[in-house]
N, C-alpha and C. Protein backbone atom coordinates (compact mmCIF):
# COMPACT_ATOMS: atom_id res chain seq x y z
N UNK A 1 80.81 103.54 94.68
CA UNK A 1 82.76 103.62 94.26
C UNK A 1 83.59 103.15 94.98
N UNK A 2 83.73 103.36 96.17
CA UNK A 2 84.70 103.26 97.19
C UNK A 2 84.77 101.52 96.98
N UNK A 3 83.58 100.37 96.74
CA UNK A 3 83.71 99.26 96.77
C UNK A 3 84.41 98.84 95.41
N UNK A 4 84.47 99.81 94.10
CA UNK A 4 85.31 99.63 93.01
C UNK A 4 86.69 100.00 93.12
N UNK A 5 87.11 100.94 94.14
CA UNK A 5 88.39 101.66 94.05
C UNK A 5 88.86 100.17 95.29
N UNK A 6 88.40 100.04 96.12
CA UNK A 6 89.18 98.74 97.25
C UNK A 6 89.24 97.50 95.95
N UNK A 7 88.33 97.30 95.03
CA UNK A 7 88.81 96.10 94.06
C UNK A 7 90.14 96.27 93.19
N UNK A 8 90.27 97.38 92.87
CA UNK A 8 91.14 97.85 92.00
C UNK A 8 92.65 98.77 92.71
N UNK A 9 92.46 98.05 94.06
CA UNK A 9 93.63 98.67 94.82
C UNK A 9 94.86 98.41 94.36
N UNK A 10 95.49 96.78 94.26
CA UNK A 10 96.46 96.58 93.69
C UNK A 10 96.66 97.40 92.27
N UNK A 11 96.13 97.48 91.42
CA UNK A 11 96.45 97.79 90.27
C UNK A 11 96.70 99.68 90.41
N UNK A 12 95.90 100.21 91.11
CA UNK A 12 96.36 101.70 91.64
C UNK A 12 97.99 101.72 92.16
N UNK A 13 98.35 100.88 93.05
CA UNK A 13 99.20 100.64 93.55
C UNK A 13 100.72 100.60 92.48
N UNK A 14 100.20 99.85 91.36
CA UNK A 14 100.74 99.21 90.68
C UNK A 14 101.27 100.62 89.71
N UNK A 15 100.04 101.27 89.25
CA UNK A 15 100.08 102.56 88.61
C UNK A 15 101.11 103.69 89.47
N UNK A 16 100.60 103.80 90.36
CA UNK A 16 101.53 104.58 91.32
C UNK A 16 103.15 104.50 91.26
N UNK A 17 103.33 103.02 91.40
CA UNK A 17 105.00 102.70 91.44
C UNK A 17 105.53 103.32 89.95
N UNK A 18 104.61 102.95 88.93
CA UNK A 18 105.18 102.80 87.58
C UNK A 18 105.49 104.78 87.62
N UNK A 19 104.96 105.45 87.96
CA UNK A 19 104.55 107.04 87.88
C UNK A 19 105.66 107.01 88.77
N UNK A 20 105.85 107.05 89.84
CA UNK A 20 106.93 107.29 90.77
C UNK A 20 108.45 106.99 90.01
N UNK A 21 108.11 105.82 89.26
CA UNK A 21 109.55 105.51 88.63
C UNK A 21 110.18 106.18 87.34
N UNK A 22 108.76 106.74 86.77
CA UNK A 22 108.93 107.72 85.91
C UNK A 22 109.39 109.11 86.09
N UNK A 23 108.80 109.47 87.33
CA UNK A 23 109.00 110.83 87.84
C UNK A 23 110.53 110.88 88.24
N UNK A 24 110.76 109.94 88.91
CA UNK A 24 112.29 109.50 89.49
C UNK A 24 113.11 109.66 88.41
N UNK A 25 113.09 108.99 87.45
CA UNK A 25 114.03 108.97 86.47
C UNK A 25 114.51 110.37 85.97
N UNK A 26 113.08 111.16 85.74
CA UNK A 26 113.09 112.53 85.36
C UNK A 26 114.06 113.48 86.53
N UNK A 27 113.26 113.59 87.41
CA UNK A 27 114.23 114.35 88.52
C UNK A 27 115.44 113.96 88.63
N UNK A 28 116.28 112.37 88.23
CA UNK A 28 117.58 112.28 88.63
C UNK A 28 118.46 113.13 87.35
N UNK A 29 117.88 112.69 85.86
CA UNK A 29 118.33 113.19 84.70
C UNK A 29 118.06 114.60 84.48
N UNK A 30 117.03 115.49 84.76
CA UNK A 30 117.35 116.97 84.55
C UNK A 30 118.42 117.47 85.06
N UNK A 31 118.81 117.02 86.29
CA UNK A 31 119.99 117.89 86.75
C UNK A 31 121.06 117.83 85.99
N UNK A 32 121.19 116.58 85.57
CA UNK A 32 122.37 116.06 84.61
C UNK A 32 122.45 116.99 83.15
N UNK A 33 121.50 117.22 82.90
CA UNK A 33 121.23 118.17 81.58
C UNK A 33 121.67 119.51 81.61
N UNK A 34 120.91 120.01 83.28
CA UNK A 34 121.38 121.18 83.61
C UNK A 34 122.98 121.59 83.66
N UNK A 35 123.43 120.35 84.33
CA UNK A 35 124.84 120.44 84.72
C UNK A 35 126.09 120.66 83.08
N UNK A 36 125.52 119.94 82.30
CA UNK A 36 126.04 119.72 80.76
C UNK A 36 125.55 121.19 79.99
N UNK A 37 124.54 121.43 80.26
CA UNK A 37 124.10 122.84 79.62
C UNK A 37 124.48 124.05 79.80
N UNK A 38 124.70 124.37 81.76
CA UNK A 38 125.63 125.40 81.59
C UNK A 38 127.17 125.29 81.86
N UNK A 39 127.71 124.11 81.28
CA UNK A 39 129.17 124.24 81.39
C UNK A 39 129.52 124.24 79.81
N UNK A 40 128.58 123.55 79.11
CA UNK A 40 129.09 123.25 77.32
C UNK A 40 128.71 123.95 76.69
N UNK A 41 127.45 124.82 76.69
CA UNK A 41 126.58 125.46 75.90
C UNK A 41 126.39 127.05 76.21
N UNK A 42 126.81 128.07 74.90
CA UNK A 42 126.60 129.32 75.23
C UNK A 42 125.32 129.75 74.72
N UNK A 43 124.49 130.63 75.27
CA UNK A 43 123.27 131.40 74.64
C UNK A 43 123.21 131.35 73.83
N UNK A 44 122.27 130.60 72.77
CA UNK A 44 122.01 131.16 71.72
C UNK A 44 122.31 130.06 70.47
N UNK A 45 123.14 129.27 71.18
CA UNK A 45 123.99 128.32 70.41
C UNK A 45 122.90 126.96 70.21
N UNK A 46 123.70 126.18 68.82
CA UNK A 46 122.60 125.24 68.46
C UNK A 46 122.70 124.23 69.92
N UNK A 47 124.12 124.04 70.73
CA UNK A 47 123.95 123.18 71.62
C UNK A 47 123.04 123.72 72.72
N UNK A 48 122.78 124.94 72.47
CA UNK A 48 121.85 125.67 74.10
C UNK A 48 120.43 125.51 73.52
N UNK A 49 120.13 125.04 72.56
CA UNK A 49 118.72 125.25 71.77
C UNK A 49 118.55 123.81 71.72
N UNK A 50 119.87 122.82 71.57
CA UNK A 50 119.25 121.38 71.84
C UNK A 50 118.73 121.03 73.43
N UNK A 51 119.52 121.68 74.09
CA UNK A 51 119.54 121.14 75.63
C UNK A 51 118.09 121.85 76.04
N UNK A 52 117.46 122.68 75.52
CA UNK A 52 116.00 123.46 75.90
C UNK A 52 115.47 122.41 75.30
N UNK A 53 115.74 122.12 74.27
CA UNK A 53 114.01 121.14 73.88
C UNK A 53 114.34 119.60 74.48
N UNK A 54 115.58 119.02 74.87
CA UNK A 54 115.44 117.94 75.83
C UNK A 54 115.04 118.33 77.22
N UNK A 55 115.30 119.16 77.59
CA UNK A 55 114.75 119.92 79.19
C UNK A 55 113.34 120.04 79.26
N UNK A 56 112.85 120.74 78.12
CA UNK A 56 111.39 121.09 78.15
C UNK A 56 110.58 119.76 77.86
N UNK A 57 110.98 118.54 77.20
CA UNK A 57 110.32 117.63 77.16
C UNK A 57 110.44 116.56 77.91
N UNK A 58 111.62 116.82 78.57
CA UNK A 58 111.22 115.86 79.46
C UNK A 58 110.44 116.27 80.65
N UNK A 59 110.22 117.29 80.92
CA UNK A 59 109.88 117.86 81.98
C UNK A 59 108.06 117.99 81.42
N UNK A 60 107.91 118.16 80.23
CA UNK A 60 106.59 118.36 79.88
C UNK A 60 106.06 117.16 79.35
N UNK A 61 106.69 116.33 79.01
CA UNK A 61 106.27 114.75 78.35
C UNK A 61 106.07 113.50 79.12
N UNK A 62 107.36 113.67 80.47
CA UNK A 62 107.45 112.54 81.08
C UNK A 62 107.29 112.98 82.63
N UNK A 63 107.99 113.94 82.97
CA UNK A 63 107.78 114.44 84.69
C UNK A 63 106.73 114.73 84.94
N UNK A 64 106.17 116.28 84.23
CA UNK A 64 104.86 116.38 84.76
C UNK A 64 103.59 115.39 84.95
N UNK A 65 103.35 114.70 83.99
CA UNK A 65 102.39 113.54 83.90
C UNK A 65 102.73 112.95 84.97
N UNK A 66 103.70 112.39 84.86
CA UNK A 66 104.46 111.04 86.28
C UNK A 66 103.91 111.66 87.64
N UNK A 67 104.33 113.05 87.52
CA UNK A 67 104.24 113.43 88.92
C UNK A 67 102.70 113.58 89.11
N UNK A 68 101.92 114.38 88.65
CA UNK A 68 100.39 114.03 88.68
C UNK A 68 99.90 112.77 88.98
N UNK A 69 100.74 112.09 88.07
CA UNK A 69 99.27 110.11 88.25
C UNK A 69 100.03 109.82 89.66
N UNK A 70 101.36 110.14 89.80
CA UNK A 70 101.90 109.63 91.35
C UNK A 70 101.05 109.97 92.14
N UNK A 71 100.69 111.68 92.24
CA UNK A 71 100.09 112.01 93.21
C UNK A 71 98.90 111.57 93.41
N UNK A 72 97.86 111.58 92.04
CA UNK A 72 96.34 110.83 92.22
C UNK A 72 96.52 109.84 92.72
N UNK A 73 97.25 108.90 92.28
CA UNK A 73 97.02 107.19 92.58
C UNK A 73 97.70 107.30 94.22
N UNK A 74 98.46 108.12 94.56
CA UNK A 74 98.86 107.84 95.99
C UNK A 74 98.18 108.87 97.04
N UNK A 75 96.96 109.46 96.76
CA UNK A 75 95.82 110.28 97.19
C UNK A 75 94.86 109.47 97.72
N UNK A 76 94.62 108.22 96.22
CA UNK A 76 93.53 107.34 96.16
C UNK A 76 93.70 106.53 97.16
N UNK A 77 94.91 105.81 97.02
CA UNK A 77 95.55 105.20 98.19
C UNK A 77 95.39 105.47 99.42
N UNK A 78 95.51 106.68 99.81
CA UNK A 78 95.63 107.32 101.15
C UNK A 78 93.84 107.76 101.30
N UNK A 79 93.14 107.59 100.36
CA UNK A 79 91.57 107.49 100.71
C UNK A 79 91.28 106.38 100.92
N UNK A 80 91.65 105.30 100.76
CA UNK A 80 91.16 103.78 100.84
C UNK A 80 92.21 103.50 102.27
N UNK A 81 92.51 103.92 102.86
CA UNK A 81 93.22 103.39 104.32
C UNK A 81 94.67 102.83 104.07
N UNK A 82 95.61 103.81 103.12
CA UNK A 82 96.84 103.01 102.73
C UNK A 82 97.49 104.06 103.66
N UNK A 83 97.36 105.17 104.43
CA UNK A 83 98.09 106.03 105.04
C UNK A 83 97.65 105.98 106.69
N UNK A 84 98.98 105.33 107.37
CA UNK A 84 98.99 105.16 108.63
C UNK A 84 99.20 106.47 109.66
N UNK A 85 98.14 107.37 109.83
CA UNK A 85 98.22 108.86 110.37
C UNK A 85 99.08 109.01 111.64
N UNK A 86 99.22 107.90 112.11
CA UNK A 86 99.90 107.72 113.75
C UNK A 86 100.98 107.37 113.34
N UNK A 87 101.48 106.77 112.28
CA UNK A 87 103.26 106.49 112.51
C UNK A 87 103.74 107.54 111.81
N UNK A 88 105.26 107.56 112.52
CA UNK A 88 106.11 108.11 111.76
C UNK A 88 106.46 108.29 110.59
N UNK A 89 106.65 106.73 109.63
CA UNK A 89 106.99 106.58 108.73
C UNK A 89 106.01 106.93 107.65
N UNK A 90 104.92 107.23 107.82
CA UNK A 90 103.74 107.44 106.83
C UNK A 90 103.90 109.25 106.89
N UNK A 91 104.30 110.14 107.87
CA UNK A 91 104.72 111.52 108.06
C UNK A 91 106.02 111.41 107.15
N UNK A 92 107.25 110.60 107.10
CA UNK A 92 108.34 110.70 106.76
C UNK A 92 108.14 111.07 105.17
N UNK A 93 107.24 109.71 105.05
CA UNK A 93 107.14 109.78 103.15
C UNK A 93 106.47 110.99 102.98
N UNK A 94 105.22 111.42 103.29
CA UNK A 94 104.42 112.63 102.73
C UNK A 94 105.43 113.74 102.63
N UNK A 95 106.19 113.84 104.11
CA UNK A 95 106.95 115.26 103.56
C UNK A 95 107.84 115.02 103.04
N UNK A 96 108.59 113.82 102.62
CA UNK A 96 109.57 113.63 101.34
C UNK A 96 108.91 113.81 100.42
N UNK A 97 107.62 113.15 100.24
CA UNK A 97 106.75 113.54 98.64
C UNK A 97 106.89 115.12 98.86
N UNK A 98 106.21 115.83 99.29
CA UNK A 98 106.05 117.21 99.20
C UNK A 98 107.64 117.98 98.78
N UNK A 99 108.81 117.58 99.45
CA UNK A 99 109.92 118.18 99.48
C UNK A 99 110.27 117.87 97.90
N UNK A 100 109.69 116.43 97.40
CA UNK A 100 110.43 115.98 96.15
C UNK A 100 109.59 117.05 94.83
N UNK A 101 108.24 117.23 95.20
CA UNK A 101 107.59 118.07 94.38
C UNK A 101 107.92 119.50 94.26
N UNK A 102 108.43 119.88 95.66
CA UNK A 102 109.40 121.23 95.70
C UNK A 102 110.49 121.47 94.92
N UNK A 103 111.08 120.34 94.94
CA UNK A 103 112.31 119.86 93.75
C UNK A 103 112.23 119.77 92.40
N UNK A 104 111.07 119.53 92.20
CA UNK A 104 110.73 118.96 90.95
C UNK A 104 110.47 121.08 90.18
N UNK A 105 109.44 121.60 91.27
CA UNK A 105 109.60 123.02 90.89
C UNK A 105 110.38 124.05 90.89
N UNK A 106 111.42 123.48 91.43
CA UNK A 106 112.54 123.87 91.50
C UNK A 106 113.32 123.71 90.19
N UNK A 107 113.34 122.78 89.85
CA UNK A 107 113.77 122.43 88.70
C UNK A 107 113.51 123.03 87.39
N UNK A 108 111.94 123.31 87.40
CA UNK A 108 111.19 123.28 86.51
C UNK A 108 111.39 125.19 86.30
N UNK A 109 111.25 125.87 87.29
CA UNK A 109 112.13 127.31 87.21
C UNK A 109 113.39 127.24 86.40
N UNK A 110 114.64 126.64 86.96
CA UNK A 110 115.82 126.75 86.04
C UNK A 110 115.56 126.42 84.47
N UNK A 111 114.66 125.53 84.56
CA UNK A 111 114.20 125.33 82.78
C UNK A 111 114.24 126.50 82.52
N UNK A 112 113.55 127.28 82.87
CA UNK A 112 112.64 128.27 82.31
C UNK A 112 113.85 129.36 82.20
N UNK A 113 114.58 129.85 83.26
CA UNK A 113 115.78 130.61 83.02
C UNK A 113 116.30 129.76 81.91
N UNK A 114 116.93 128.86 81.79
CA UNK A 114 117.91 128.56 80.66
C UNK A 114 117.45 129.07 79.32
N UNK A 115 115.93 128.74 79.37
CA UNK A 115 115.01 128.95 78.14
C UNK A 115 115.09 130.55 77.83
N UNK A 116 115.25 131.25 79.02
CA UNK A 116 114.94 132.59 78.80
C UNK A 116 116.64 133.37 78.52
N UNK A 117 117.29 132.31 78.43
CA UNK A 117 119.36 132.83 78.34
C UNK A 117 119.56 133.24 80.05
N UNK A 118 118.98 133.32 81.30
CA UNK A 118 119.07 133.55 81.94
C UNK A 118 119.57 132.97 83.48
N UNK A 119 120.24 131.65 82.80
CA UNK A 119 120.88 130.66 83.92
C UNK A 119 122.21 131.43 84.51
N UNK A 120 122.18 131.53 85.95
CA UNK A 120 123.44 132.13 86.49
C UNK A 120 124.11 131.19 87.37
N UNK A 121 123.50 129.96 87.33
CA UNK A 121 124.19 128.88 88.27
C UNK A 121 125.28 128.10 87.38
N UNK A 122 126.34 127.75 88.31
CA UNK A 122 127.13 126.80 87.54
C UNK A 122 126.96 125.23 87.50
N UNK A 123 127.23 124.61 86.51
CA UNK A 123 127.34 123.09 86.99
C UNK A 123 127.56 122.43 88.06
N UNK A 124 128.30 122.65 88.73
CA UNK A 124 128.35 122.26 90.66
C UNK A 124 126.98 122.39 91.30
N UNK A 125 126.45 123.86 91.22
CA UNK A 125 125.24 123.88 91.89
C UNK A 125 124.67 122.92 91.21
N UNK A 126 124.05 122.58 90.00
CA UNK A 126 123.06 121.27 89.63
C UNK A 126 123.53 120.06 89.56
N UNK A 127 124.95 119.56 90.06
CA UNK A 127 125.89 118.56 90.68
C UNK A 127 125.44 118.36 91.98
N UNK A 128 125.37 119.42 92.68
CA UNK A 128 124.82 118.83 94.39
C UNK A 128 123.46 118.86 94.35
N UNK A 129 122.41 120.09 93.49
CA UNK A 129 121.28 119.06 93.71
C UNK A 129 120.98 118.25 93.22
N UNK A 130 121.30 117.39 92.01
CA UNK A 130 121.30 116.24 91.95
C UNK A 130 121.30 115.20 93.03
N UNK A 131 121.84 115.57 94.01
CA UNK A 131 121.58 114.63 95.24
C UNK A 131 120.24 114.75 95.75
N UNK A 132 119.72 115.75 96.07
CA UNK A 132 118.58 115.99 96.64
C UNK A 132 117.48 115.03 96.07
N UNK A 133 117.14 114.60 94.87
CA UNK A 133 116.04 113.47 94.58
C UNK A 133 116.61 112.31 95.13
N UNK A 134 117.71 111.74 95.29
CA UNK A 134 118.51 110.81 95.73
C UNK A 134 118.66 110.81 97.43
N UNK A 135 118.54 111.63 98.39
CA UNK A 135 118.36 111.55 99.16
C UNK A 135 116.52 111.44 100.05
N UNK A 136 115.88 112.44 99.06
CA UNK A 136 114.51 111.92 99.48
C UNK A 136 114.05 110.59 98.99
N UNK A 137 114.55 110.23 97.92
CA UNK A 137 113.99 108.63 97.34
C UNK A 137 114.63 107.80 98.49
N UNK A 138 115.53 108.05 99.27
CA UNK A 138 116.43 106.50 100.20
C UNK A 138 115.04 106.88 101.37
N UNK A 139 114.84 108.28 101.74
CA UNK A 139 113.96 108.65 103.19
C UNK A 139 112.29 107.80 102.77
N UNK A 140 112.05 107.88 101.59
CA UNK A 140 110.44 107.55 101.10
C UNK A 140 110.79 105.72 100.92
N UNK A 141 111.71 105.05 100.50
CA UNK A 141 111.88 103.80 100.07
C UNK A 141 112.12 103.51 101.78
N UNK A 142 112.90 103.81 102.58
CA UNK A 142 112.75 103.26 103.91
C UNK A 142 111.79 103.27 104.76
N UNK A 143 111.32 104.65 104.59
CA UNK A 143 109.91 104.67 105.43
C UNK A 143 108.94 103.60 104.97
N UNK A 144 108.77 103.24 103.93
CA UNK A 144 107.90 102.58 103.15
C UNK A 144 108.11 100.99 103.39
N UNK A 145 109.23 100.08 103.25
CA UNK A 145 109.39 99.37 103.32
C UNK A 145 110.05 99.27 104.50
N UNK A 146 110.88 99.51 105.19
CA UNK A 146 111.19 99.06 106.38
C UNK A 146 110.12 99.21 107.48
N UNK A 147 109.76 100.42 107.59
CA UNK A 147 108.87 101.25 108.31
C UNK A 147 109.53 100.88 109.90
N UNK A 148 110.62 101.93 109.73
CA UNK A 148 111.32 101.39 111.44
C UNK A 148 110.64 102.57 112.50
N UNK A 149 109.70 103.39 111.81
CA UNK A 149 109.46 104.33 113.06
C UNK A 149 107.58 104.10 113.44
């Protein structure tokens, strides 16, 4: 099995990168939807219902599957030796990915609050939170590409 996985390593890497791109697109977009949802829609309105559909589908159809594929492909690559356990860059990346997953979970919880009509956060909160995936992405890309540590 390992020989087979070694032979398709680059394809696993391609799958990982594509999944991360899709996941990141959702992590960038969902907080923006929350900003507009919090600032422009009243609970129960047609606009509220539209935002709920958009947020739920973004999470269920794009973000959740992309996150799962990114994690699985990443873990396979780690299993094939793509992780340098002694290098700081590897740890920065894995910690950032765990934090990215936590951010995903936070957004999922916020979506459920909107769906229940119980959002208490302002658009400003979501604008600020929108920077979290960007910062984590910077850490991950620099750690993987430059490997300065």
